[in-house]
Amino acid sequence: MILGGWQIGTVVTLQSGFPLAPTDANAGSLDGRHNLVPGEPLVLPAALQGWYNGTTTITLPDGREYTPCAQCYLKYNPDAFAGEVVTTPNGSSVTNVYWMGNAAIDSGALRGPGRNNVDLTLSRNFHLRENMLLSIRANVTNAFNHTQFLSNSYNLDLGGTVAAAAPAMGIIAGEGGSNSYGTHGLATYDPRQIILEGRIQF
């Protein structure tokens, strides 16, 4: 019977995102780590998370006006980490040298996108004659066609260290100058793909 004798194989991938670590805005740090900014959440409130067009300005939890990059999904707070600056005798601010950050190397609260994927294989052999066999096989990747962003797609680059504070803009000395920190773009794993195979053995 055509409906019987089929074999199904599957591979299921359920994976949480890997912990991430911020980069840049840590000039002079001996251990490469940053300082945590007191009172700043690592993850932005849900109302601020989402896709942005590069022209929409939002207000971060510390009051800073911030314009996320175009076609970016913002999740993590760009003001949660900072480097160190010092004031010189003439009153100017410069980045510090020979300091050690108090933030962890990476954080469980900062994670890349996870994966929830199912691959399927459907196959059956048909005996056409005594000495002739037809093998039919279908291989399906991402069977449910879920959008799955690449595991390394989040940008945790804080940008160059801002040496001088800009109170009118809500920027404190030591923060990074990036407008893409804490975001991921449009890069994804492949959508559903189906490969059909037929083989005759005799």
N, C-alpha and C. Protein backbone atom coordinates (compact mmCIF):
# COMPACT_ATOMS: atom_id res chain seq x y z
N MET A 1 0.83 -1.19 0.00
CA MET A 1 0.00 0.00 0.00
C MET A 1 0.87 1.25 0.00
N ILE A 2 0.40 2.30 -0.70
CA ILE A 2 1.17 3.53 -0.80
C ILE A 2 1.27 4.23 0.55
N LEU A 3 0.23 4.14 1.38
CA LEU A 3 0.22 4.87 2.65
C LEU A 3 1.06 4.20 3.72
N GLY A 4 1.41 2.97 3.57
CA GLY A 4 2.18 2.27 4.59
C GLY A 4 3.65 2.15 4.22
N GLY A 5 4.44 1.78 5.21
CA GLY A 5 5.85 1.49 4.98
C GLY A 5 6.78 2.69 4.95
N TRP A 6 6.28 3.88 5.25
CA TRP A 6 7.14 5.07 5.25
C TRP A 6 7.94 5.14 6.55
N GLN A 7 9.15 5.66 6.44
CA GLN A 7 10.01 5.86 7.62
C GLN A 7 10.25 7.35 7.80
N ILE A 8 10.19 7.77 9.04
CA ILE A 8 10.40 9.19 9.37
C ILE A 8 11.57 9.31 10.34
N GLY A 9 12.48 10.20 10.02
CA GLY A 9 13.59 10.53 10.92
C GLY A 9 13.56 12.02 11.21
N THR A 10 14.02 12.39 12.38
CA THR A 10 14.00 13.81 12.74
C THR A 10 15.20 14.18 13.60
N VAL A 11 15.63 15.42 13.45
CA VAL A 11 16.65 16.01 14.32
C VAL A 11 16.07 17.30 14.89
N VAL A 12 15.97 17.39 16.21
CA VAL A 12 15.41 18.57 16.88
C VAL A 12 16.53 19.30 17.59
N THR A 13 16.64 20.60 17.35
CA THR A 13 17.63 21.44 18.01
C THR A 13 16.92 22.47 18.88
N LEU A 14 17.10 22.38 20.19
CA LEU A 14 16.56 23.35 21.14
C LEU A 14 17.74 23.94 21.90
N GLN A 15 18.01 25.20 21.66
CA GLN A 15 19.24 25.79 22.18
C GLN A 15 18.98 27.21 22.65
N SER A 16 19.39 27.49 23.88
CA SER A 16 19.34 28.88 24.35
C SER A 16 20.54 29.62 23.78
N GLY A 17 20.47 30.94 23.79
CA GLY A 17 21.58 31.72 23.25
C GLY A 17 22.81 31.64 24.14
N PHE A 18 23.98 31.83 23.53
CA PHE A 18 25.22 31.82 24.30
C PHE A 18 25.41 33.15 25.04
N PRO A 19 26.03 33.14 26.23
CA PRO A 19 26.32 34.39 26.94
C PRO A 19 27.22 35.29 26.10
N LEU A 20 26.96 36.59 26.20
CA LEU A 20 27.70 37.57 25.41
C LEU A 20 28.49 38.50 26.31
N ALA A 21 29.48 39.18 25.72
CA ALA A 21 30.28 40.14 26.47
C ALA A 21 30.42 41.41 25.64
N PRO A 22 30.33 42.59 26.27
CA PRO A 22 30.53 43.83 25.52
C PRO A 22 31.97 44.00 25.10
N THR A 23 32.19 44.75 24.06
CA THR A 23 33.53 45.06 23.58
C THR A 23 33.66 46.57 23.39
N ASP A 24 34.91 47.02 23.21
CA ASP A 24 35.23 48.43 22.98
C ASP A 24 34.83 49.28 24.19
N ALA A 25 35.07 50.58 24.12
CA ALA A 25 34.82 51.52 25.23
C ALA A 25 35.50 51.05 26.52
N ASN A 26 36.62 50.35 26.38
CA ASN A 26 37.35 49.87 27.55
C ASN A 26 38.84 50.21 27.45
N ALA A 27 39.14 51.34 26.80
CA ALA A 27 40.53 51.74 26.63
C ALA A 27 41.25 51.83 27.97
N GLY A 28 42.43 51.24 28.04
CA GLY A 28 43.23 51.28 29.26
C GLY A 28 42.90 50.21 30.28
N SER A 29 41.87 49.42 30.03
CA SER A 29 41.50 48.37 30.98
C SER A 29 42.50 47.23 30.89
N LEU A 30 43.13 46.90 32.00
CA LEU A 30 44.16 45.87 32.01
C LEU A 30 43.59 44.48 31.76
N ASP A 31 42.36 44.24 32.15
CA ASP A 31 41.75 42.93 31.98
C ASP A 31 40.71 42.91 30.87
N GLY A 32 40.58 44.02 30.13
CA GLY A 32 39.64 44.08 29.03
C GLY A 32 38.19 44.19 29.45
N ARG A 33 37.94 44.25 30.75
CA ARG A 33 36.56 44.32 31.23
C ARG A 33 36.12 45.78 31.39
N HIS A 34 34.79 45.96 31.50
CA HIS A 34 34.21 47.28 31.65
C HIS A 34 33.76 47.49 33.10
N ASN A 35 33.29 48.68 33.36
CA ASN A 35 32.61 48.96 34.62
C ASN A 35 31.11 48.92 34.40
N LEU A 36 30.40 48.34 35.35
CA LEU A 36 28.94 48.42 35.33
C LEU A 36 28.53 49.81 35.78
N VAL A 37 27.60 50.41 35.07
CA VAL A 37 27.09 51.72 35.46
C VAL A 37 26.01 51.50 36.52
N PRO A 38 26.17 52.04 37.72
CA PRO A 38 25.20 51.80 38.81
C PRO A 38 23.78 52.19 38.40
N GLY A 39 22.85 51.30 38.72
CA GLY A 39 21.44 51.58 38.48
C GLY A 39 20.96 51.34 37.07
N GLU A 40 21.86 50.94 36.17
CA GLU A 40 21.47 50.72 34.78
C GLU A 40 21.16 49.24 34.54
N PRO A 41 19.98 48.92 33.99
CA PRO A 41 19.67 47.52 33.68
C PRO A 41 20.45 47.06 32.46
N LEU A 42 20.83 45.79 32.45
CA LEU A 42 21.51 45.24 31.27
C LEU A 42 20.54 45.07 30.11
N VAL A 43 19.32 44.67 30.44
CA VAL A 43 18.29 44.44 29.42
C VAL A 43 17.29 45.59 29.49
N LEU A 44 16.96 46.15 28.32
CA LEU A 44 16.02 47.26 28.28
C LEU A 44 14.60 46.80 28.62
N PRO A 45 13.76 47.69 29.13
CA PRO A 45 12.35 47.34 29.36
C PRO A 45 11.69 46.89 28.06
N ALA A 46 10.71 46.01 28.17
CA ALA A 46 10.06 45.44 26.99
C ALA A 46 9.50 46.51 26.06
N ALA A 47 9.06 47.64 26.62
CA ALA A 47 8.47 48.69 25.79
C ALA A 47 9.48 49.32 24.83
N LEU A 48 10.78 49.21 25.14
CA LEU A 48 11.81 49.79 24.28
C LEU A 48 12.41 48.76 23.33
N GLN A 49 12.14 47.49 23.56
CA GLN A 49 12.70 46.46 22.70
C GLN A 49 11.89 46.36 21.41
N GLY A 50 12.59 46.21 20.29
CA GLY A 50 11.88 46.06 19.03
C GLY A 50 12.72 46.52 17.85
N TRP A 51 12.11 46.51 16.68
CA TRP A 51 12.77 46.92 15.44
C TRP A 51 12.70 48.43 15.28
N TYR A 52 13.80 49.01 14.75
CA TYR A 52 13.86 50.45 14.56
C TYR A 52 14.29 50.77 13.13
N ASN A 53 13.96 52.01 12.72
CA ASN A 53 14.19 52.42 11.33
C ASN A 53 15.34 53.39 11.14
N GLY A 54 16.07 53.70 12.20
CA GLY A 54 17.21 54.60 12.09
C GLY A 54 16.86 56.07 12.27
N THR A 55 15.58 56.39 12.39
CA THR A 55 15.17 57.78 12.58
C THR A 55 14.34 57.98 13.85
N THR A 56 13.92 56.89 14.47
CA THR A 56 13.09 56.98 15.67
C THR A 56 13.98 57.15 16.90
N THR A 57 13.73 58.17 17.68
CA THR A 57 14.49 58.45 18.90
C THR A 57 13.70 58.00 20.11
N ILE A 58 14.39 57.31 21.02
CA ILE A 58 13.76 56.83 22.24
C ILE A 58 14.49 57.40 23.44
N THR A 59 13.88 57.25 24.61
CA THR A 59 14.51 57.69 25.84
C THR A 59 14.92 56.47 26.65
N LEU A 60 16.21 56.33 26.88
CA LEU A 60 16.72 55.20 27.63
C LEU A 60 16.39 55.36 29.12
N PRO A 61 16.51 54.28 29.92
CA PRO A 61 16.15 54.37 31.34
C PRO A 61 16.87 55.47 32.10
N ASP A 62 18.09 55.88 31.67
CA ASP A 62 18.81 56.94 32.37
C ASP A 62 18.46 58.33 31.86
N GLY A 63 17.51 58.41 30.90
CA GLY A 63 17.08 59.70 30.40
C GLY A 63 17.74 60.14 29.11
N ARG A 64 18.70 59.39 28.62
CA ARG A 64 19.39 59.80 27.40
C ARG A 64 18.52 59.57 26.18
N GLU A 65 18.53 60.54 25.26
CA GLU A 65 17.85 60.41 23.98
C GLU A 65 18.75 59.59 23.06
N TYR A 66 18.18 58.56 22.45
CA TYR A 66 18.99 57.58 21.72
C TYR A 66 18.25 57.18 20.46
N THR A 67 18.99 57.14 19.33
CA THR A 67 18.40 56.75 18.05
C THR A 67 19.04 55.45 17.57
N PRO A 68 18.37 54.31 17.74
CA PRO A 68 18.95 53.03 17.30
C PRO A 68 19.13 52.99 15.78
N CYS A 69 20.01 52.12 15.36
CA CYS A 69 20.34 52.00 13.94
C CYS A 69 19.15 51.45 13.13
N ALA A 70 19.23 51.64 11.82
CA ALA A 70 18.15 51.20 10.92
C ALA A 70 18.16 49.69 10.76
N GLN A 71 16.96 49.11 10.67
CA GLN A 71 16.76 47.67 10.51
C GLN A 71 17.48 46.88 11.61
N CYS A 72 17.41 47.40 12.82
CA CYS A 72 18.02 46.77 13.99
C CYS A 72 16.94 46.45 15.02
N TYR A 73 17.10 45.31 15.65
CA TYR A 73 16.24 44.95 16.77
C TYR A 73 17.01 45.24 18.05
N LEU A 74 16.54 46.20 18.83
CA LEU A 74 17.22 46.63 20.05
C LEU A 74 16.71 45.85 21.25
N LYS A 75 17.64 45.33 22.04
CA LYS A 75 17.26 44.60 23.25
C LYS A 75 18.06 45.01 24.47
N TYR A 76 19.37 45.21 24.31
CA TYR A 76 20.24 45.44 25.47
C TYR A 76 20.58 46.93 25.62
N ASN A 77 20.77 47.34 26.86
CA ASN A 77 20.95 48.74 27.22
C ASN A 77 22.36 49.23 26.86
N PRO A 78 22.50 50.21 25.97
CA PRO A 78 23.83 50.70 25.59
C PRO A 78 24.51 51.50 26.69
N ASP A 79 23.78 51.87 27.74
CA ASP A 79 24.37 52.66 28.81
C ASP A 79 24.67 51.84 30.06
N ALA A 80 24.64 50.51 29.95
CA ALA A 80 24.86 49.66 31.12
C ALA A 80 26.34 49.50 31.45
N PHE A 81 27.22 49.73 30.46
CA PHE A 81 28.65 49.56 30.67
C PHE A 81 29.38 50.84 30.29
N ALA A 82 30.53 51.05 30.90
CA ALA A 82 31.34 52.23 30.57
C ALA A 82 32.80 51.94 30.88
N GLY A 83 33.65 52.72 30.24
CA GLY A 83 35.07 52.71 30.58
C GLY A 83 35.34 53.74 31.68
N GLU A 84 36.61 54.09 31.87
CA GLU A 84 36.96 55.07 32.89
C GLU A 84 37.63 56.27 32.25
N VAL A 85 37.32 57.43 32.78
CA VAL A 85 37.97 58.67 32.35
C VAL A 85 38.52 59.38 33.59
N VAL A 86 39.51 60.23 33.37
CA VAL A 86 40.08 61.03 34.46
C VAL A 86 40.15 62.48 34.00
N THR A 87 40.17 63.38 34.96
CA THR A 87 40.28 64.80 34.67
C THR A 87 41.73 65.23 34.82
N THR A 88 42.27 65.86 33.81
CA THR A 88 43.66 66.32 33.82
C THR A 88 43.78 67.63 34.59
N PRO A 89 45.00 68.06 34.94
CA PRO A 89 45.18 69.33 35.68
C PRO A 89 44.57 70.55 34.98
N ASN A 90 44.50 70.50 33.65
CA ASN A 90 43.92 71.67 32.96
C ASN A 90 42.40 71.58 32.83
N GLY A 91 41.81 70.53 33.42
CA GLY A 91 40.36 70.41 33.45
C GLY A 91 39.74 69.60 32.35
N SER A 92 40.53 69.12 31.40
CA SER A 92 39.97 68.30 30.32
C SER A 92 39.84 66.85 30.78
N SER A 93 38.98 66.10 30.09
CA SER A 93 38.77 64.69 30.42
C SER A 93 39.45 63.82 29.38
N VAL A 94 40.12 62.77 29.86
CA VAL A 94 40.76 61.81 28.96
C VAL A 94 40.48 60.41 29.48
N THR A 95 40.62 59.42 28.60
CA THR A 95 40.41 58.05 29.05
C THR A 95 41.52 57.65 30.01
N ASN A 96 41.14 56.87 31.00
CA ASN A 96 42.09 56.41 32.01
C ASN A 96 42.97 55.30 31.43
N VAL A 97 44.10 55.08 32.07
CA VAL A 97 44.96 53.94 31.71
C VAL A 97 45.25 53.16 32.99
N TYR A 98 45.49 51.85 32.83
CA TYR A 98 45.86 51.00 33.95
C TYR A 98 44.75 50.92 35.01
N TRP A 99 43.59 50.47 34.55
CA TRP A 99 42.48 50.25 35.48
C TRP A 99 41.90 48.87 35.20
N MET A 100 41.10 48.37 36.12
CA MET A 100 40.47 47.06 35.96
C MET A 100 38.97 47.20 36.14
N GLY A 101 38.21 46.64 35.20
CA GLY A 101 36.76 46.75 35.24
C GLY A 101 36.14 45.86 36.29
N ASN A 102 34.92 46.22 36.70
CA ASN A 102 34.23 45.42 37.72
C ASN A 102 33.12 44.54 37.14
N ALA A 103 32.93 44.59 35.81
CA ALA A 103 31.90 43.75 35.19
C ALA A 103 32.46 42.35 34.93
N ALA A 104 31.56 41.39 34.89
CA ALA A 104 31.97 40.02 34.56
C ALA A 104 32.42 39.94 33.10
N ILE A 105 33.18 38.90 32.78
CA ILE A 105 33.65 38.73 31.40
C ILE A 105 32.47 38.62 30.45
N ASP A 106 31.47 37.83 30.82
CA ASP A 106 30.23 37.78 30.06
C ASP A 106 29.08 37.63 31.07
N SER A 107 27.87 37.71 30.58
CA SER A 107 26.72 37.72 31.49
C SER A 107 25.62 36.82 30.97
N GLY A 108 24.99 36.08 31.88
CA GLY A 108 23.86 35.25 31.51
C GLY A 108 22.65 36.06 31.08
N ALA A 109 22.62 37.35 31.47
CA ALA A 109 21.50 38.20 31.07
C ALA A 109 21.65 38.69 29.63
N LEU A 110 22.88 38.63 29.10
CA LEU A 110 23.14 39.04 27.73
C LEU A 110 23.38 37.78 26.91
N ARG A 111 22.41 37.42 26.10
CA ARG A 111 22.52 36.18 25.34
C ARG A 111 22.11 36.41 23.89
N GLY A 112 22.79 35.68 23.01
CA GLY A 112 22.40 35.71 21.61
C GLY A 112 21.10 34.97 21.40
N PRO A 113 20.53 35.07 20.21
CA PRO A 113 19.27 34.35 19.92
C PRO A 113 19.45 32.84 20.06
N GLY A 114 18.45 32.18 20.59
CA GLY A 114 18.48 30.71 20.66
C GLY A 114 17.99 30.11 19.35
N ARG A 115 17.92 28.78 19.34
CA ARG A 115 17.41 28.07 18.16
C ARG A 115 16.31 27.10 18.57
N ASN A 116 15.32 26.99 17.71
CA ASN A 116 14.22 26.06 17.90
C ASN A 116 13.92 25.47 16.53
N ASN A 117 14.64 24.41 16.18
CA ASN A 117 14.63 23.93 14.80
C ASN A 117 14.31 22.44 14.73
N VAL A 118 13.59 22.07 13.66
CA VAL A 118 13.27 20.67 13.40
C VAL A 118 13.62 20.34 11.95
N ASP A 119 14.45 19.32 11.75
CA ASP A 119 14.75 18.79 10.42
C ASP A 119 14.09 17.42 10.31
N LEU A 120 13.52 17.10 9.14
CA LEU A 120 12.81 15.85 8.95
C LEU A 120 13.34 15.10 7.74
N THR A 121 13.24 13.80 7.80
CA THR A 121 13.52 12.93 6.66
C THR A 121 12.37 11.94 6.51
N LEU A 122 11.83 11.83 5.31
CA LEU A 122 10.74 10.90 5.00
C LEU A 122 11.20 10.01 3.86
N SER A 123 11.12 8.69 4.05
CA SER A 123 11.64 7.79 3.02
C SER A 123 10.81 6.51 2.94
N ARG A 124 10.88 5.89 1.75
CA ARG A 124 10.21 4.59 1.58
C ARG A 124 10.81 3.89 0.37
N ASN A 125 10.86 2.57 0.45
CA ASN A 125 11.30 1.73 -0.66
C ASN A 125 10.09 1.07 -1.32
N PHE A 126 10.06 1.09 -2.66
CA PHE A 126 9.00 0.43 -3.44
C PHE A 126 9.64 -0.68 -4.28
N HIS A 127 9.12 -1.91 -4.18
CA HIS A 127 9.60 -3.02 -5.00
C HIS A 127 8.81 -3.02 -6.32
N LEU A 128 9.49 -2.58 -7.38
CA LEU A 128 8.83 -2.52 -8.69
C LEU A 128 8.78 -3.89 -9.34
N ARG A 129 9.85 -4.62 -9.24
CA ARG A 129 9.94 -5.99 -9.72
C ARG A 129 10.75 -6.79 -8.71
N GLU A 130 10.92 -8.03 -9.03
CA GLU A 130 11.65 -8.89 -8.09
C GLU A 130 13.07 -8.39 -7.86
N ASN A 131 13.69 -7.86 -8.92
CA ASN A 131 15.08 -7.41 -8.79
C ASN A 131 15.22 -5.90 -9.01
N MET A 132 14.16 -5.15 -8.80
CA MET A 132 14.21 -3.70 -9.01
C MET A 132 13.55 -2.99 -7.83
N LEU A 133 14.29 -2.03 -7.25
CA LEU A 133 13.84 -1.32 -6.06
C LEU A 133 13.89 0.20 -6.32
N LEU A 134 12.78 0.89 -6.01
CA LEU A 134 12.72 2.34 -6.12
C LEU A 134 12.73 2.93 -4.71
N SER A 135 13.75 3.76 -4.43
CA SER A 135 13.86 4.41 -3.13
C SER A 135 13.49 5.89 -3.28
N ILE A 136 12.52 6.34 -2.49
CA ILE A 136 12.08 7.73 -2.48
C ILE A 136 12.45 8.34 -1.13
N ARG A 137 13.01 9.55 -1.18
CA ARG A 137 13.46 10.18 0.07
C ARG A 137 13.24 11.70 -0.03
N ALA A 138 12.71 12.28 1.05
CA ALA A 138 12.56 13.73 1.14
C ALA A 138 13.29 14.23 2.39
N ASN A 139 14.19 15.19 2.21
CA ASN A 139 14.91 15.81 3.32
C ASN A 139 14.40 17.24 3.49
N VAL A 140 13.97 17.56 4.68
CA VAL A 140 13.39 18.88 4.96
C VAL A 140 14.17 19.52 6.10
N THR A 141 14.78 20.67 5.83
CA THR A 141 15.45 21.43 6.88
C THR A 141 14.57 22.60 7.28
N ASN A 142 14.61 22.96 8.58
CA ASN A 142 13.74 24.00 9.15
C ASN A 142 12.29 23.71 8.74
N ALA A 143 11.82 22.54 9.13
CA ALA A 143 10.52 22.03 8.65
C ALA A 143 9.36 22.98 8.95
N PHE A 144 9.38 23.69 10.07
CA PHE A 144 8.29 24.59 10.43
C PHE A 144 8.53 26.03 9.95
N ASN A 145 9.65 26.21 9.24
CA ASN A 145 9.97 27.51 8.62
C ASN A 145 10.00 28.65 9.63
N HIS A 146 10.58 28.37 10.81
CA HIS A 146 10.72 29.40 11.83
C HIS A 146 11.82 30.38 11.44
N THR A 147 11.61 31.65 11.70
CA THR A 147 12.69 32.63 11.58
C THR A 147 13.64 32.45 12.75
N GLN A 148 14.90 32.17 12.45
CA GLN A 148 15.89 31.92 13.48
C GLN A 148 17.13 32.76 13.20
N PHE A 149 17.34 33.74 14.05
CA PHE A 149 18.47 34.65 13.84
C PHE A 149 19.77 33.96 14.21
N LEU A 150 20.84 34.35 13.52
CA LEU A 150 22.14 33.72 13.74
C LEU A 150 22.58 33.87 15.19
N SER A 151 23.25 32.84 15.71
CA SER A 151 23.63 32.83 17.12
C SER A 151 24.61 33.94 17.48
N ASN A 152 25.35 34.45 16.49
CA ASN A 152 26.32 35.51 16.77
C ASN A 152 25.85 36.86 16.22
N SER A 153 24.53 37.01 16.05
CA SER A 153 24.04 38.20 15.36
C SER A 153 23.98 39.45 16.23
N TYR A 154 24.00 39.32 17.56
CA TYR A 154 23.93 40.52 18.40
C TYR A 154 25.23 41.30 18.35
N ASN A 155 25.10 42.61 18.25
CA ASN A 155 26.25 43.51 18.26
C ASN A 155 26.43 44.04 19.67
N LEU A 156 27.53 43.68 20.32
CA LEU A 156 27.82 44.16 21.67
C LEU A 156 29.01 45.10 21.67
N ASP A 157 29.26 45.77 20.53
CA ASP A 157 30.35 46.74 20.42
C ASP A 157 29.85 48.10 20.90
N LEU A 158 30.42 48.59 22.00
CA LEU A 158 29.98 49.85 22.59
C LEU A 158 30.46 51.07 21.81
N GLY A 159 31.44 50.90 20.93
CA GLY A 159 32.00 52.04 20.22
C GLY A 159 33.10 52.70 21.02
N GLY A 160 33.66 53.77 20.48
CA GLY A 160 34.75 54.47 21.16
C GLY A 160 34.30 55.12 22.46
N THR A 161 35.20 55.17 23.43
CA THR A 161 34.89 55.77 24.73
C THR A 161 34.68 57.27 24.59
N VAL A 162 33.56 57.75 25.14
CA VAL A 162 33.28 59.19 25.16
C VAL A 162 34.00 59.78 26.37
N ALA A 163 35.03 60.60 26.12
CA ALA A 163 35.84 61.11 27.22
C ALA A 163 35.15 62.22 27.99
N ALA A 164 34.43 63.10 27.28
CA ALA A 164 33.79 64.24 27.94
C ALA A 164 32.29 64.03 28.03
N ALA A 165 31.71 64.26 29.19
CA ALA A 165 30.27 64.12 29.37
C ALA A 165 29.52 65.19 28.57
N ALA A 166 28.33 64.83 28.15
CA ALA A 166 27.44 65.76 27.45
C ALA A 166 26.10 65.74 28.16
N PRO A 167 25.97 66.49 29.27
CA PRO A 167 24.74 66.43 30.09
C PRO A 167 23.47 66.73 29.30
N ALA A 168 23.54 67.65 28.35
CA ALA A 168 22.34 68.00 27.59
C ALA A 168 21.82 66.82 26.79
N MET A 169 22.73 65.92 26.41
CA MET A 169 22.34 64.73 25.63
C MET A 169 22.18 63.51 26.52
N GLY A 170 22.46 63.67 27.82
CA GLY A 170 22.33 62.55 28.74
C GLY A 170 23.50 61.58 28.69
N ILE A 171 24.62 61.97 28.09
CA ILE A 171 25.78 61.10 27.95
C ILE A 171 26.74 61.35 29.11
N ILE A 172 27.13 60.28 29.80
CA ILE A 172 28.12 60.41 30.86
C ILE A 172 29.49 60.02 30.32
N ALA A 173 30.52 60.59 30.92
CA ALA A 173 31.88 60.29 30.48
C ALA A 173 32.19 58.81 30.68
N GLY A 174 32.79 58.22 29.69
CA GLY A 174 33.16 56.81 29.77
C GLY A 174 32.26 55.90 28.97
N GLU A 175 31.04 56.37 28.63
CA GLU A 175 30.12 55.55 27.84
C GLU A 175 30.63 55.42 26.40
N GLY A 176 30.09 54.43 25.70
CA GLY A 176 30.43 54.24 24.31
C GLY A 176 29.59 55.12 23.39
N GLY A 177 30.07 55.31 22.18
CA GLY A 177 29.38 56.17 21.24
C GLY A 177 28.63 55.45 20.15
N SER A 178 28.41 54.13 20.29
CA SER A 178 27.75 53.35 19.25
C SER A 178 26.23 53.51 19.30
N ASN A 179 25.60 53.47 18.11
CA ASN A 179 24.13 53.46 18.07
C ASN A 179 23.59 52.09 17.65
N SER A 180 24.47 51.08 17.69
CA SER A 180 24.03 49.73 17.32
C SER A 180 24.28 48.70 18.42
N TYR A 181 24.86 49.14 19.55
CA TYR A 181 25.07 48.20 20.66
C TYR A 181 23.74 47.62 21.11
N GLY A 182 23.76 46.32 21.42
CA GLY A 182 22.56 45.67 21.95
C GLY A 182 21.52 45.32 20.92
N THR A 183 21.90 45.37 19.63
CA THR A 183 20.94 45.10 18.56
C THR A 183 21.38 43.90 17.73
N HIS A 184 20.44 43.32 17.02
CA HIS A 184 20.79 42.38 15.96
C HIS A 184 20.06 42.79 14.70
N GLY A 185 20.61 42.37 13.57
CA GLY A 185 20.06 42.73 12.28
C GLY A 185 19.17 41.66 11.71
N LEU A 186 19.18 41.54 10.38
CA LEU A 186 18.24 40.67 9.67
C LEU A 186 18.83 39.31 9.30
N ALA A 187 20.09 39.06 9.62
CA ALA A 187 20.73 37.81 9.21
C ALA A 187 20.11 36.61 9.94
N THR A 188 19.69 35.60 9.18
CA THR A 188 19.04 34.42 9.75
C THR A 188 19.64 33.15 9.16
N TYR A 189 19.34 32.04 9.82
CA TYR A 189 19.59 30.74 9.22
C TYR A 189 18.65 30.56 8.04
N ASP A 190 18.92 29.56 7.21
CA ASP A 190 18.13 29.35 6.00
C ASP A 190 16.66 29.06 6.33
N PRO A 191 15.74 29.51 5.48
CA PRO A 191 14.34 29.11 5.63
C PRO A 191 14.17 27.65 5.26
N ARG A 192 12.93 27.17 5.28
CA ARG A 192 12.66 25.77 4.94
C ARG A 192 13.20 25.42 3.55
N GLN A 193 13.87 24.28 3.49
CA GLN A 193 14.35 23.76 2.21
C GLN A 193 13.98 22.28 2.12
N ILE A 194 13.50 21.88 0.95
CA ILE A 194 13.08 20.49 0.73
C ILE A 194 13.85 19.93 -0.45
N ILE A 195 14.48 18.79 -0.23
CA ILE A 195 15.22 18.08 -1.29
C ILE A 195 14.56 16.72 -1.49
N LEU A 196 14.11 16.46 -2.70
CA LEU A 196 13.50 15.18 -3.05
C LEU A 196 14.49 14.34 -3.84
N GLU A 197 14.62 13.07 -3.46
CA GLU A 197 15.54 12.16 -4.11
C GLU A 197 14.81 10.89 -4.55
N GLY A 198 15.18 10.40 -5.67
CA GLY A 198 14.66 9.11 -6.14
C GLY A 198 15.81 8.26 -6.67
N ARG A 199 15.83 6.99 -6.33
CA ARG A 199 16.92 6.12 -6.75
C ARG A 199 16.35 4.74 -7.13
N ILE A 200 16.78 4.25 -8.24
CA ILE A 200 16.38 2.90 -8.68
C ILE A 200 17.57 1.96 -8.58
N GLN A 201 17.36 0.85 -7.90
CA GLN A 201 18.40 -0.17 -7.75
C GLN A 201 17.95 -1.45 -8.46
N PHE A 202 18.86 -2.02 -9.25
CA PHE A 202 18.52 -3.29 -9.92
C PHE A 202 19.79 -4.11 -10.09
